[in-house]
PDB file of all heavy atoms in Angstrom:
ATOM      1  N   MET A   1      38.755  30.758 -17.994  1.00  0.00           N
ATOM      2  CA  MET A   1      38.716  29.337 -17.653  1.00  0.00           C
ATOM      3  C   MET A   1      37.917  28.559 -18.694  1.00  0.00           C
ATOM      4  O   MET A   1      38.332  27.467 -19.129  1.00  0.00           O
ATOM      5  CB  MET A   1      38.093  29.142 -16.268  1.00  0.00           C
ATOM      6  CG  MET A   1      38.890  29.724 -15.129  1.00  0.00           C
ATOM      7  SD  MET A   1      37.996  29.542 -13.553  1.00  0.00           S
ATOM      8  CE  MET A   1      38.923  30.688 -12.526  1.00  0.00           C
ATOM      9  N   TYR A   2      36.784  29.113 -19.078  1.00  0.00           N
ATOM     10  CA  TYR A   2      35.945  28.459 -20.086  1.00  0.00           C
ATOM     11  C   TYR A   2      36.733  28.238 -21.379  1.00  0.00           C
ATOM     12  O   TYR A   2      36.748  27.122 -21.936  1.00  0.00           O
ATOM     13  CB  TYR A   2      34.716  29.318 -20.362  1.00  0.00           C
ATOM     14  CG  TYR A   2      33.765  28.736 -21.390  1.00  0.00           C
ATOM     15  CD1 TYR A   2      32.635  28.033 -20.990  1.00  0.00           C
ATOM     16  CD2 TYR A   2      33.999  28.882 -22.762  1.00  0.00           C
ATOM     17  CE1 TYR A   2      31.764  27.489 -21.923  1.00  0.00           C
ATOM     18  CE2 TYR A   2      33.146  28.344 -23.698  1.00  0.00           C
ATOM     19  CZ  TYR A   2      32.026  27.647 -23.275  1.00  0.00           C
ATOM     20  OH  TYR A   2      31.186  27.106 -24.204  1.00  0.00           O
ATOM     21  N   LYS A   3      37.383  29.287 -21.837  1.00  0.00           N
ATOM     22  CA  LYS A   3      38.101  29.191 -23.103  1.00  0.00           C
ATOM     23  C   LYS A   3      39.269  28.217 -23.010  1.00  0.00           C
ATOM     24  O   LYS A   3      39.540  27.460 -23.954  1.00  0.00           O
ATOM     25  CB  LYS A   3      38.589  30.575 -23.533  1.00  0.00           C
ATOM     26  CG  LYS A   3      37.442  31.497 -23.952  1.00  0.00           C
ATOM     27  CD  LYS A   3      37.915  32.914 -24.232  1.00  0.00           C
ATOM     28  CE  LYS A   3      36.760  33.803 -24.673  1.00  0.00           C
ATOM     29  NZ  LYS A   3      37.165  35.218 -24.839  1.00  0.00           N
ATOM     30  N   GLU A   4      39.952  28.197 -21.860  1.00  0.00           N
ATOM     31  CA  GLU A   4      41.083  27.288 -21.700  1.00  0.00           C
ATOM     32  C   GLU A   4      40.630  25.829 -21.708  1.00  0.00           C
ATOM     33  O   GLU A   4      41.225  24.981 -22.388  1.00  0.00           O
ATOM     34  CB  GLU A   4      41.816  27.584 -20.385  1.00  0.00           C
ATOM     35  CG  GLU A   4      43.003  26.664 -20.126  1.00  0.00           C
ATOM     36  CD  GLU A   4      43.678  26.953 -18.814  1.00  0.00           C
ATOM     37  OE1 GLU A   4      44.026  28.130 -18.570  1.00  0.00           O
ATOM     38  OE2 GLU A   4      43.859  25.999 -18.030  1.00  0.00           O
ATOM     39  N   LEU A   5      39.572  25.518 -20.972  1.00  0.00           N
ATOM     40  CA  LEU A   5      39.097  24.135 -20.908  1.00  0.00           C
ATOM     41  C   LEU A   5      38.473  23.708 -22.232  1.00  0.00           C
ATOM     42  O   LEU A   5      38.608  22.541 -22.639  1.00  0.00           O
ATOM     43  CB  LEU A   5      38.096  23.972 -19.767  1.00  0.00           C
ATOM     44  CG  LEU A   5      38.640  24.207 -18.359  1.00  0.00           C
ATOM     45  CD1 LEU A   5      37.592  23.866 -17.319  1.00  0.00           C
ATOM     46  CD2 LEU A   5      39.912  23.421 -18.104  1.00  0.00           C
ATOM     47  N   HIS A   6      37.818  24.619 -22.904  1.00  0.00           N
ATOM     48  CA  HIS A   6      37.255  24.289 -24.216  1.00  0.00           C
ATOM     49  C   HIS A   6      38.361  23.961 -25.210  1.00  0.00           C
ATOM     50  O   HIS A   6      38.208  23.072 -26.058  1.00  0.00           O
ATOM     51  CB  HIS A   6      36.413  25.454 -24.724  1.00  0.00           C
ATOM     52  CG  HIS A   6      35.649  25.139 -25.978  1.00  0.00           C
ATOM     53  ND1 HIS A   6      36.190  25.300 -27.244  1.00  0.00           N
ATOM     54  CD2 HIS A   6      34.392  24.637 -26.165  1.00  0.00           C
ATOM     55  CE1 HIS A   6      35.295  24.932 -28.143  1.00  0.00           C
ATOM     56  NE2 HIS A   6      34.196  24.529 -27.524  1.00  0.00           N
ATOM     57  N   GLU A   7      39.463  24.656 -25.092  1.00  0.00           N
ATOM     58  CA  GLU A   7      40.598  24.383 -25.982  1.00  0.00           C
ATOM     59  C   GLU A   7      41.288  23.070 -25.618  1.00  0.00           C
ATOM     60  O   GLU A   7      41.725  22.329 -26.497  1.00  0.00           O
ATOM     61  CB  GLU A   7      41.602  25.538 -25.901  1.00  0.00           C
ATOM     62  CG  GLU A   7      42.764  25.409 -26.875  1.00  0.00           C
ATOM     63  CD  GLU A   7      43.672  26.618 -26.863  1.00  0.00           C
ATOM     64  OE1 GLU A   7      43.224  27.705 -26.448  1.00  0.00           O
ATOM     65  OE2 GLU A   7      44.834  26.467 -27.267  1.00  0.00           O
ATOM     66  N   LYS A   8      41.370  22.760 -24.333  1.00  0.00           N
ATOM     67  CA  LYS A   8      42.048  21.540 -23.880  1.00  0.00           C
ATOM     68  C   LYS A   8      41.310  20.277 -24.313  1.00  0.00           C
ATOM     69  O   LYS A   8      41.907  19.359 -24.868  1.00  0.00           O
ATOM     70  CB  LYS A   8      42.169  21.531 -22.345  1.00  0.00           C
ATOM     71  CG  LYS A   8      43.282  22.385 -21.785  1.00  0.00           C
ATOM     72  CD  LYS A   8      43.330  22.212 -20.256  1.00  0.00           C
ATOM     73  CE  LYS A   8      44.484  22.969 -19.645  1.00  0.00           C
ATOM     74  NZ  LYS A   8      44.513  22.814 -18.159  1.00  0.00           N
ATOM     75  N   ASP A   9      40.003  20.209 -24.009  1.00  0.00           N
ATOM     76  CA  ASP A   9      39.244  18.984 -24.282  1.00  0.00           C
ATOM     77  C   ASP A   9      37.754  19.287 -24.227  1.00  0.00           C
ATOM     78  O   ASP A   9      37.107  19.076 -23.206  1.00  0.00           O
ATOM     79  CB  ASP A   9      39.604  17.894 -23.271  1.00  0.00           C
ATOM     80  CG  ASP A   9      39.096  16.514 -23.677  1.00  0.00           C
ATOM     81  OD1 ASP A   9      38.101  16.445 -24.418  1.00  0.00           O
ATOM     82  OD2 ASP A   9      39.709  15.516 -23.245  1.00  0.00           O
ATOM     83  N   PRO A  10      37.198  19.802 -25.320  1.00  0.00           N
ATOM     84  CA  PRO A  10      35.787  20.207 -25.284  1.00  0.00           C
ATOM     85  C   PRO A  10      34.834  19.053 -24.981  1.00  0.00           C
ATOM     86  O   PRO A  10      33.811  19.259 -24.314  1.00  0.00           O
ATOM     87  CB  PRO A  10      35.545  20.790 -26.676  1.00  0.00           C
ATOM     88  CG  PRO A  10      36.644  20.236 -27.528  1.00  0.00           C
ATOM     89  CD  PRO A  10      37.820  20.067 -26.630  1.00  0.00           C
ATOM     90  N   ARG A  11      35.159  17.842 -25.448  1.00  0.00           N
ATOM     91  CA  ARG A  11      34.263  16.709 -25.189  1.00  0.00           C
ATOM     92  C   ARG A  11      34.224  16.368 -23.704  1.00  0.00           C
ATOM     93  O   ARG A  11      33.143  16.192 -23.129  1.00  0.00           O
ATOM     94  CB  ARG A  11      34.723  15.491 -25.989  1.00  0.00           C
ATOM     95  CG  ARG A  11      33.833  14.261 -25.805  1.00  0.00           C
ATOM     96  CD  ARG A  11      34.266  13.110 -26.671  1.00  0.00           C
ATOM     97  NE  ARG A  11      34.150  13.416 -28.092  1.00  0.00           N
ATOM     98  CZ  ARG A  11      34.462  12.563 -29.054  1.00  0.00           C
ATOM     99  NH1 ARG A  11      34.921  11.357 -28.765  1.00  0.00           N
ATOM    100  NH2 ARG A  11      34.324  12.915 -30.318  1.00  0.00           N
ATOM    101  N   LEU A  12      35.391  16.267 -23.067  1.00  0.00           N
ATOM    102  CA  LEU A  12      35.456  15.936 -21.647  1.00  0.00           C
ATOM    103  C   LEU A  12      34.746  16.979 -20.800  1.00  0.00           C
ATOM    104  O   LEU A  12      33.914  16.642 -19.937  1.00  0.00           O
ATOM    105  CB  LEU A  12      36.918  15.821 -21.199  1.00  0.00           C
ATOM    106  CG  LEU A  12      37.152  15.730 -19.678  1.00  0.00           C
ATOM    107  CD1 LEU A  12      36.538  14.452 -19.120  1.00  0.00           C
ATOM    108  CD2 LEU A  12      38.639  15.813 -19.352  1.00  0.00           C
ATOM    109  N   TYR A  13      35.047  18.252 -21.049  1.00  0.00           N
ATOM    110  CA  TYR A  13      34.532  19.290 -20.163  1.00  0.00           C
ATOM    111  C   TYR A  13      33.092  19.682 -20.477  1.00  0.00           C
ATOM    112  O   TYR A  13      32.439  20.337 -19.664  1.00  0.00           O
ATOM    113  CB  TYR A  13      35.472  20.500 -20.192  1.00  0.00           C
ATOM    114  CG  TYR A  13      36.823  20.151 -19.616  1.00  0.00           C
ATOM    115  CD1 TYR A  13      37.987  20.220 -20.389  1.00  0.00           C
ATOM    116  CD2 TYR A  13      36.945  19.698 -18.305  1.00  0.00           C
ATOM    117  CE1 TYR A  13      39.226  19.881 -19.862  1.00  0.00           C
ATOM    118  CE2 TYR A  13      38.178  19.350 -17.772  1.00  0.00           C
ATOM    119  CZ  TYR A  13      39.305  19.433 -18.550  1.00  0.00           C
ATOM    120  OH  TYR A  13      40.525  19.081 -18.023  1.00  0.00           O
ATOM    121  N   THR A  14      32.596  19.232 -21.630  1.00  0.00           N
ATOM    122  CA  THR A  14      31.159  19.321 -21.869  1.00  0.00           C
ATOM    123  C   THR A  14      30.452  18.188 -21.141  1.00  0.00           C
ATOM    124  O   THR A  14      29.430  18.393 -20.485  1.00  0.00           O
ATOM    125  CB  THR A  14      30.844  19.263 -23.374  1.00  0.00           C
ATOM    126  OG1 THR A  14      31.430  20.382 -24.030  1.00  0.00           O
ATOM    127  CG2 THR A  14      29.335  19.267 -23.605  1.00  0.00           C
ATOM    128  N   ALA A  15      31.025  16.986 -21.224  1.00  0.00           N
ATOM    129  CA  ALA A  15      30.407  15.814 -20.611  1.00  0.00           C
ATOM    130  C   ALA A  15      30.315  15.936 -19.086  1.00  0.00           C
ATOM    131  O   ALA A  15      29.322  15.513 -18.488  1.00  0.00           O
ATOM    132  CB  ALA A  15      31.184  14.551 -20.992  1.00  0.00           C
ATOM    133  N   ASN A  16      31.353  16.488 -18.465  1.00  0.00           N
ATOM    134  CA  ASN A  16      31.308  16.567 -16.999  1.00  0.00           C
ATOM    135  C   ASN A  16      30.655  17.851 -16.480  1.00  0.00           C
ATOM    136  O   ASN A  16      30.601  18.084 -15.276  1.00  0.00           O
ATOM    137  CB  ASN A  16      32.706  16.389 -16.390  1.00  0.00           C
ATOM    138  CG  ASN A  16      33.664  17.546 -16.667  1.00  0.00           C
ATOM    139  OD1 ASN A  16      33.278  18.602 -17.158  1.00  0.00           O
ATOM    140  ND2 ASN A  16      34.923  17.328 -16.347  1.00  0.00           N
ATOM    141  N   GLY A  17      30.160  18.675 -17.377  1.00  0.00           N
ATOM    142  CA  GLY A  17      29.371  19.834 -16.986  1.00  0.00           C
ATOM    143  C   GLY A  17      30.149  21.095 -16.678  1.00  0.00           C
ATOM    144  O   GLY A  17      29.554  22.128 -16.370  1.00  0.00           O
ATOM    145  N   LEU A  18      31.478  21.050 -16.800  1.00  0.00           N
ATOM    146  CA  LEU A  18      32.261  22.229 -16.432  1.00  0.00           C
ATOM    147  C   LEU A  18      32.033  23.397 -17.384  1.00  0.00           C
ATOM    148  O   LEU A  18      31.959  24.554 -16.953  1.00  0.00           O
ATOM    149  CB  LEU A  18      33.752  21.889 -16.382  1.00  0.00           C
ATOM    150  CG  LEU A  18      34.246  21.068 -15.183  1.00  0.00           C
ATOM    151  CD1 LEU A  18      35.768  21.052 -15.159  1.00  0.00           C
ATOM    152  CD2 LEU A  18      33.712  21.620 -13.876  1.00  0.00           C
ATOM    153  N   LEU A  19      31.941  23.128 -18.672  1.00  0.00           N
ATOM    154  CA  LEU A  19      31.748  24.234 -19.611  1.00  0.00           C
ATOM    155  C   LEU A  19      30.381  24.894 -19.401  1.00  0.00           C
ATOM    156  O   LEU A  19      30.261  26.122 -19.473  1.00  0.00           O
ATOM    157  CB  LEU A  19      31.904  23.748 -21.052  1.00  0.00           C
ATOM    158  CG  LEU A  19      33.327  23.343 -21.464  1.00  0.00           C
ATOM    159  CD1 LEU A  19      33.347  22.908 -22.923  1.00  0.00           C
ATOM    160  CD2 LEU A  19      34.313  24.485 -21.245  1.00  0.00           C
ATOM    161  N   ASN A  20      29.379  24.075 -19.130  1.00  0.00           N
ATOM    162  CA  ASN A  20      28.060  24.650 -18.854  1.00  0.00           C
ATOM    163  C   ASN A  20      28.098  25.491 -17.585  1.00  0.00           C
ATOM    164  O   ASN A  20      27.528  26.598 -17.538  1.00  0.00           O
ATOM    165  CB  ASN A  20      27.034  23.526 -18.712  1.00  0.00           C
ATOM    166  CG  ASN A  20      25.634  24.051 -18.474  1.00  0.00           C
ATOM    167  OD1 ASN A  20      25.053  24.703 -19.319  1.00  0.00           O
ATOM    168  ND2 ASN A  20      25.105  23.767 -17.293  1.00  0.00           N
ATOM    169  N   MET A  21      28.776  24.994 -16.541  1.00  0.00           N
ATOM    170  CA  MET A  21      28.879  25.727 -15.289  1.00  0.00           C
ATOM    171  C   MET A  21      29.620  27.052 -15.472  1.00  0.00           C
ATOM    172  O   MET A  21      29.171  28.102 -15.005  1.00  0.00           O
ATOM    173  CB  MET A  21      29.606  24.870 -14.249  1.00  0.00           C
ATOM    174  CG  MET A  21      29.787  25.534 -12.895  1.00  0.00           C
ATOM    175  SD  MET A  21      30.878  24.572 -11.811  1.00  0.00           S
ATOM    176  CE  MET A  21      32.479  24.941 -12.576  1.00  0.00           C
ATOM    177  N   LEU A  22      30.748  27.006 -16.165  1.00  0.00           N
ATOM    178  CA  LEU A  22      31.529  28.233 -16.377  1.00  0.00           C
ATOM    179  C   LEU A  22      30.783  29.206 -17.281  1.00  0.00           C
ATOM    180  O   LEU A  22      30.901  30.423 -17.123  1.00  0.00           O
ATOM    181  CB  LEU A  22      32.897  27.882 -16.965  1.00  0.00           C
ATOM    182  CG  LEU A  22      33.854  27.178 -16.000  1.00  0.00           C
ATOM    183  CD1 LEU A  22      35.032  26.567 -16.761  1.00  0.00           C
ATOM    184  CD2 LEU A  22      34.355  28.147 -14.933  1.00  0.00           C
ATOM    185  N   GLY A  23      30.034  28.672 -18.231  1.00  0.00           N
ATOM    186  CA  GLY A  23      29.210  29.535 -19.070  1.00  0.00           C
ATOM    187  C   GLY A  23      28.173  30.281 -18.246  1.00  0.00           C
ATOM    188  O   GLY A  23      27.924  31.474 -18.478  1.00  0.00           O
ATOM    189  N   ARG A  24      27.571  29.581 -17.296  1.00  0.00           N
ATOM    190  CA  ARG A  24      26.642  30.252 -16.374  1.00  0.00           C
ATOM    191  C   ARG A  24      27.367  31.292 -15.537  1.00  0.00           C
ATOM    192  O   ARG A  24      26.913  32.426 -15.398  1.00  0.00           O
ATOM    193  CB  ARG A  24      25.994  29.215 -15.449  1.00  0.00           C
ATOM    194  CG  ARG A  24      25.138  29.821 -14.332  1.00  0.00           C
ATOM    195  CD  ARG A  24      24.988  28.863 -13.168  1.00  0.00           C
ATOM    196  NE  ARG A  24      26.262  28.598 -12.501  1.00  0.00           N
ATOM    197  CZ  ARG A  24      26.478  27.564 -11.689  1.00  0.00           C
ATOM    198  NH1 ARG A  24      25.508  26.692 -11.459  1.00  0.00           N
ATOM    199  NH2 ARG A  24      27.664  27.395 -11.121  1.00  0.00           N
ATOM    200  N   ASN A  25      28.513  30.896 -14.969  1.00  0.00           N
ATOM    201  CA  ASN A  25      29.223  31.781 -14.047  1.00  0.00           C
ATOM    202  C   ASN A  25      29.632  33.099 -14.698  1.00  0.00           C
ATOM    203  O   ASN A  25      29.562  34.164 -14.075  1.00  0.00           O
ATOM    204  CB  ASN A  25      30.472  31.082 -13.504  1.00  0.00           C
ATOM    205  CG  ASN A  25      30.139  29.924 -12.587  1.00  0.00           C
ATOM    206  OD1 ASN A  25      28.986  29.698 -12.240  1.00  0.00           O
ATOM    207  ND2 ASN A  25      31.158  29.169 -12.190  1.00  0.00           N
ATOM    208  N   ARG A  26      30.084  33.029 -15.943  1.00  0.00           N
ATOM    209  CA  ARG A  26      30.556  34.255 -16.584  1.00  0.00           C
ATOM    210  C   ARG A  26      29.418  35.208 -16.908  1.00  0.00           C
ATOM    211  O   ARG A  26      29.668  36.363 -17.234  1.00  0.00           O
ATOM    212  CB  ARG A  26      31.380  33.919 -17.836  1.00  0.00           C
ATOM    213  CG  ARG A  26      30.639  33.217 -18.947  1.00  0.00           C
ATOM    214  CD  ARG A  26      31.588  32.872 -20.092  1.00  0.00           C
ATOM    215  NE  ARG A  26      30.906  32.161 -21.163  1.00  0.00           N
ATOM    216  CZ  ARG A  26      31.478  31.814 -22.312  1.00  0.00           C
ATOM    217  NH1 ARG A  26      32.744  32.130 -22.535  1.00  0.00           N
ATOM    218  NH2 ARG A  26      30.805  31.165 -23.233  1.00  0.00           N
ATOM    219  N   GLN A  27      28.173  34.715 -16.818  1.00  0.00           N
ATOM    220  CA  GLN A  27      27.017  35.596 -16.963  1.00  0.00           C
ATOM    221  C   GLN A  27      26.621  36.243 -15.633  1.00  0.00           C
ATOM    222  O   GLN A  27      25.776  37.129 -15.589  1.00  0.00           O
ATOM    223  CB  GLN A  27      25.821  34.814 -17.514  1.00  0.00           C
ATOM    224  CG  GLN A  27      26.049  34.184 -18.872  1.00  0.00           C
ATOM    225  CD  GLN A  27      26.364  35.198 -19.951  1.00  0.00           C
ATOM    226  OE1 GLN A  27      25.719  36.240 -20.020  1.00  0.00           O
ATOM    227  NE2 GLN A  27      27.351  34.907 -20.783  1.00  0.00           N
ATOM    228  N   VAL A  28      27.233  35.761 -14.533  1.00  0.00           N
ATOM    229  CA  VAL A  28      26.885  36.257 -13.199  1.00  0.00           C
ATOM    230  C   VAL A  28      27.880  37.305 -12.723  1.00  0.00           C
ATOM    231  O   VAL A  28      27.495  38.362 -12.223  1.00  0.00           O
ATOM    232  CB  VAL A  28      26.799  35.087 -12.190  1.00  0.00           C
ATOM    233  CG1 VAL A  28      26.548  35.606 -10.771  1.00  0.00           C
ATOM    234  CG2 VAL A  28      25.710  34.106 -12.599  1.00  0.00           C
ATOM    235  N   LYS A  29      29.186  37.012 -12.863  1.00  0.00           N
ATOM    236  CA  LYS A  29      30.210  37.970 -12.462  1.00  0.00           C
ATOM    237  C   LYS A  29      31.523  37.630 -13.150  1.00  0.00           C
ATOM    238  O   LYS A  29      31.623  36.630 -13.861  1.00  0.00           O
ATOM    239  CB  LYS A  29      30.373  38.022 -10.938  1.00  0.00           C
ATOM    240  CG  LYS A  29      30.889  36.743 -10.296  1.00  0.00           C
ATOM    241  CD  LYS A  29      31.079  36.974  -8.789  1.00  0.00           C
ATOM    242  CE  LYS A  29      31.829  35.816  -8.143  1.00  0.00           C
ATOM    243  NZ  LYS A  29      32.156  36.077  -6.723  1.00  0.00           N
ATOM    244  N   TRP A  30      32.550  38.450 -12.922  1.00  0.00           N
ATOM    245  CA  TRP A  30      33.807  38.324 -13.666  1.00  0.00           C
ATOM    246  C   TRP A  30      34.580  37.061 -13.346  1.00  0.00           C
ATOM    247  O   TRP A  30      35.027  36.348 -14.241  1.00  0.00           O
ATOM    248  CB  TRP A  30      34.690  39.546 -13.378  1.00  0.00           C
ATOM    249  CG  TRP A  30      35.990  39.522 -14.136  1.00  0.00           C
ATOM    250  CD1 TRP A  30      36.191  39.946 -15.418  1.00  0.00           C
ATOM    251  CD2 TRP A  30      37.262  39.050 -13.670  1.00  0.00           C
ATOM    252  NE1 TRP A  30      37.520  39.763 -15.779  1.00  0.00           N
ATOM    253  CE2 TRP A  30      38.195  39.221 -14.718  1.00  0.00           C
ATOM    254  CE3 TRP A  30      37.699  38.505 -12.458  1.00  0.00           C
ATOM    255  CZ2 TRP A  30      39.532  38.860 -14.596  1.00  0.00           C
ATOM    256  CZ3 TRP A  30      39.033  38.140 -12.329  1.00  0.00           C
ATOM    257  CH2 TRP A  30      39.933  38.316 -13.400  1.00  0.00           C
ATOM    258  N   GLY A  31      34.774  36.788 -12.061  1.00  0.00           N
ATOM    259  CA  GLY A  31      35.591  35.641 -11.704  1.00  0.00           C
ATOM    260  C   GLY A  31      35.459  35.290 -10.240  1.00  0.00           C
ATOM    261  O   GLY A  31      34.838  36.015  -9.453  1.00  0.00           O
ATOM    262  N   PRO A  32      36.062  34.167  -9.816  1.00  0.00           N
ATOM    263  CA  PRO A  32      35.953  33.724  -8.431  1.00  0.00           C
ATOM    264  C   PRO A  32      36.714  34.631  -7.469  1.00  0.00           C
ATOM    265  O   PRO A  32      37.840  35.045  -7.740  1.00  0.00           O
ATOM    266  CB  PRO A  32      36.557  32.310  -8.454  1.00  0.00           C
ATOM    267  CG  PRO A  32      37.425  32.279  -9.665  1.00  0.00           C
ATOM    268  CD  PRO A  32      36.802  33.204 -10.658  1.00  0.00           C
ATOM    269  N   GLU A  33      36.071  34.920  -6.331  1.00  0.00           N
ATOM    270  CA  GLU A  33      36.657  35.757  -5.285  1.00  0.00           C
ATOM    271  C   GLU A  33      36.871  34.913  -4.024  1.00  0.00           C
ATOM    272  O   GLU A  33      36.098  34.005  -3.733  1.00  0.00           O
ATOM    273  CB  GLU A  33      35.721  36.919  -4.944  1.00  0.00           C
ATOM    274  CG  GLU A  33      35.414  37.843  -6.099  1.00  0.00           C
ATOM    275  CD  GLU A  33      34.366  38.864  -5.723  1.00  0.00           C
ATOM    276  OE1 GLU A  33      34.701  39.835  -5.006  1.00  0.00           O
ATOM    277  OE2 GLU A  33      33.197  38.681  -6.121  1.00  0.00           O
ATOM    278  N   ARG A  34      37.891  35.260  -3.264  1.00  0.00           N
ATOM    279  CA  ARG A  34      38.217  34.506  -2.042  1.00  0.00           C
ATOM    280  C   ARG A  34      37.686  35.248  -0.821  1.00  0.00           C
ATOM    281  O   ARG A  34      37.917  36.452  -0.660  1.00  0.00           O
ATOM    282  CB  ARG A  34      39.733  34.301  -1.932  1.00  0.00           C
ATOM    283  CG  ARG A  34      40.158  33.361  -0.813  1.00  0.00           C
ATOM    284  CD  ARG A  34      41.621  32.962  -0.977  1.00  0.00           C
ATOM    285  NE  ARG A  34      42.010  31.995   0.038  1.00  0.00           N
ATOM    286  CZ  ARG A  34      42.720  32.287   1.136  1.00  0.00           C
ATOM    287  NH1 ARG A  34      43.118  33.543   1.342  1.00  0.00           N
ATOM    288  NH2 ARG A  34      43.022  31.356   2.009  1.00  0.00           N
ATOM    289  N   TRP A  35      36.975  34.520   0.041  1.00  0.00           N
ATOM    290  CA  TRP A  35      36.382  35.116   1.236  1.00  0.00           C
ATOM    291  C   TRP A  35      37.413  35.854   2.071  1.00  0.00           C
ATOM    292  O   TRP A  35      37.202  36.974   2.524  1.00  0.00           O
ATOM    293  CB  TRP A  35      35.698  34.036   2.081  1.00  0.00           C
ATOM    294  CG  TRP A  35      35.337  34.509   3.453  1.00  0.00           C
ATOM    295  CD1 TRP A  35      36.137  34.537   4.567  1.00  0.00           C
ATOM    296  CD2 TRP A  35      34.082  35.098   3.855  1.00  0.00           C
ATOM    297  NE1 TRP A  35      35.469  35.082   5.636  1.00  0.00           N
ATOM    298  CE2 TRP A  35      34.210  35.428   5.227  1.00  0.00           C
ATOM    299  CE3 TRP A  35      32.881  35.354   3.197  1.00  0.00           C
ATOM    300  CZ2 TRP A  35      33.169  36.012   5.940  1.00  0.00           C
ATOM    301  CZ3 TRP A  35      31.849  35.934   3.916  1.00  0.00           C
ATOM    302  CH2 TRP A  35      31.997  36.261   5.264  1.00  0.00           C
ATOM    303  N   GLN A  36      38.555  35.208   2.295  1.00  0.00           N
ATOM    304  CA  GLN A  36      39.565  35.775   3.187  1.00  0.00           C
ATOM    305  C   GLN A  36      40.157  37.080   2.660  1.00  0.00           C
ATOM    306  O   GLN A  36      40.757  37.838   3.428  1.00  0.00           O
ATOM    307  CB  GLN A  36      40.679  34.752   3.442  1.00  0.00           C
ATOM    308  CG  GLN A  36      40.253  33.524   4.240  1.00  0.00           C
ATOM    309  CD  GLN A  36      39.681  32.420   3.372  1.00  0.00           C
ATOM    310  OE1 GLN A  36      39.267  32.647   2.223  1.00  0.00           O
ATOM    311  NE2 GLN A  36      39.674  31.204   3.889  1.00  0.00           N
ATOM    312  N   ASP A  37      39.982  37.348   1.373  1.00  0.00           N
ATOM    313  CA  ASP A  37      40.491  38.589   0.778  1.00  0.00           C
ATOM    314  C   ASP A  37      39.435  39.699   0.758  1.00  0.00           C
ATOM    315  O   ASP A  37      39.738  40.827   0.359  1.00  0.00           O
ATOM    316  CB  ASP A  37      40.969  38.336  -0.658  1.00  0.00           C
ATOM    317  CG  ASP A  37      42.123  37.340  -0.719  1.00  0.00           C
ATOM    318  OD1 ASP A  37      42.897  37.290   0.262  1.00  0.00           O
ATOM    319  OD2 ASP A  37      42.235  36.617  -1.724  1.00  0.00           O
ATOM    320  N   TRP A  38      38.217  39.374   1.175  1.00  0.00           N
ATOM    321  CA  TRP A  38      37.132  40.358   1.155  1.00  0.00           C
ATOM    322  C   TRP A  38      37.374  41.421   2.221  1.00  0.00           C
ATOM    323  O   TRP A  38      37.529  41.107   3.406  1.00  0.00           O
ATOM    324  CB  TRP A  38      35.800  39.665   1.400  1.00  0.00           C
ATOM    325  CG  TRP A  38      34.612  40.582   1.452  1.00  0.00           C
ATOM    326  CD1 TRP A  38      34.491  41.803   0.858  1.00  0.00           C
ATOM    327  CD2 TRP A  38      33.378  40.344   2.147  1.00  0.00           C
ATOM    328  NE1 TRP A  38      33.251  42.337   1.120  1.00  0.00           N
ATOM    329  CE2 TRP A  38      32.551  41.473   1.913  1.00  0.00           C
ATOM    330  CE3 TRP A  38      32.890  39.292   2.909  1.00  0.00           C
ATOM    331  CZ2 TRP A  38      31.262  41.563   2.442  1.00  0.00           C
ATOM    332  CZ3 TRP A  38      31.616  39.385   3.432  1.00  0.00           C
ATOM    333  CH2 TRP A  38      30.806  40.501   3.205  1.00  0.00           C
TER     334      TRP A  38
END
């Protein structure tokens, strides 16, 4: 997700905090999991 959004529009997704958020997330675990699938 980080790489895709960075390629799409790095200025927009830096400004709205998404790249920073995804950068944090990828240091925590691989990807988003759904509760109902647990």
